[in-house]
Amino acid sequence: MRFPSKVTSYKVSTIALFPVILIQLEKKDLTPSELYKKVKNKVSVVQEYLEILDCLYALGKIELEGEVIHYAERDILQ
């Protein structure tokens, strides 16, 4: 996982890709493979994609319901 630092700018850090994933999940719930197909041009490798999902899950931003990833914040907005 690439954290922002003196060497790594925020733009190339893993944290900068959180919004890319969340924007897709705001629109609708997706399976992990469907979501990856939508963001694979922004994410460099599958490992980075999985790290982003792990972080977002740990932060409580996404939930896994069955085989579908659900944006947790959408519940609050509705």
Protein backbone atom coordinates (compact mmCIF):
# COMPACT_ATOMS: atom_id res chain seq x y z
CA MET A 1 0.00 0.00 0.00
CA ARG A 2 1.36 3.39 -0.96
CA PHE A 3 0.81 6.06 1.69
CA PRO A 4 1.38 9.75 0.97
CA SER A 5 4.79 10.90 2.20
CA LYS A 6 7.70 13.10 1.23
CA VAL A 7 8.57 10.57 -1.48
CA THR A 8 5.05 9.56 -2.58
CA SER A 9 2.64 12.33 -3.51
CA TYR A 10 -1.02 12.10 -2.57
CA LYS A 11 -2.01 11.76 -6.24
CA VAL A 12 -0.16 8.45 -6.64
CA SER A 13 -1.01 7.09 -3.18
CA THR A 14 -3.56 4.35 -2.58
CA ILE A 15 -5.70 6.70 -0.49
CA ALA A 16 -6.25 8.93 -3.54
CA LEU A 17 -8.10 6.03 -5.19
CA PHE A 18 -10.76 5.70 -2.47
CA PRO A 19 -13.10 8.18 -4.21
CA VAL A 20 -12.76 6.28 -7.51
CA ILE A 21 -14.28 3.19 -5.86
CA LEU A 22 -16.86 5.07 -3.80
CA ILE A 23 -18.18 7.05 -6.78
CA GLN A 24 -18.97 3.80 -8.59
CA LEU A 25 -20.69 2.34 -5.53
CA GLU A 26 -22.75 5.51 -4.98
CA LYS A 27 -24.45 4.81 -8.29
CA LYS A 28 -25.33 1.16 -7.57
CA ASP A 29 -24.22 -1.95 -5.73
CA LEU A 30 -21.71 -4.08 -7.65
CA THR A 31 -19.97 -7.41 -7.33
CA PRO A 32 -16.20 -7.20 -6.82
CA SER A 33 -15.56 -8.30 -10.41
CA GLU A 34 -18.02 -5.76 -11.88
CA LEU A 35 -16.47 -3.01 -9.79
CA TYR A 36 -12.96 -3.99 -10.87
CA LYS A 37 -13.96 -3.84 -14.54
CA LYS A 38 -15.18 -0.27 -14.01
CA VAL A 39 -12.03 0.95 -12.21
CA LYS A 40 -9.24 -1.19 -13.68
CA ASN A 41 -7.95 1.68 -15.81
CA LYS A 42 -7.41 3.75 -12.62
CA VAL A 43 -5.96 0.98 -10.42
CA SER A 44 -2.50 -0.29 -11.35
CA VAL A 45 -2.80 -3.93 -10.18
CA VAL A 46 -5.38 -6.25 -8.63
CA GLN A 47 -3.45 -6.27 -5.35
CA GLU A 48 -3.88 -2.51 -5.03
CA TYR A 49 -7.61 -2.88 -5.77
CA LEU A 50 -7.95 -5.43 -2.97
CA GLU A 51 -6.01 -3.19 -0.58
CA ILE A 52 -8.39 -0.33 -1.33
CA LEU A 53 -11.41 -2.56 -0.67
CA ASP A 54 -9.83 -3.76 2.60
CA CYS A 55 -9.25 -0.19 3.77
CA LEU A 56 -12.73 1.00 2.83
CA TYR A 57 -14.26 -1.99 4.62
CA ALA A 58 -12.16 -1.35 7.74
CA LEU A 59 -13.22 2.31 7.71
CA GLY A 60 -16.88 1.29 7.48
CA LYS A 61 -17.39 2.94 4.09
CA ILE A 62 -18.41 -0.26 2.27
CA GLU A 63 -20.18 -3.44 3.30
CA LEU A 64 -20.30 -6.87 1.72
CA GLU A 65 -23.80 -8.32 1.48
CA GLY A 66 -23.70 -11.76 -0.08
CA GLU A 67 -21.71 -11.33 -3.29
CA VAL A 68 -22.38 -7.60 -3.65
CA ILE A 69 -20.40 -4.62 -2.36
CA HIS A 70 -22.68 -1.98 -0.84
CA TYR A 71 -21.81 1.67 -0.19
CA ALA A 72 -22.48 2.06 3.54
CA GLU A 73 -22.90 5.85 3.50
CA ARG A 74 -25.85 5.63 1.11
CA ASP A 75 -28.02 4.41 4.01
CA ILE A 76 -27.41 7.68 5.84
CA LEU A 77 -28.21 9.81 2.79
CA GLN A 78 -31.61 8.24 2.15
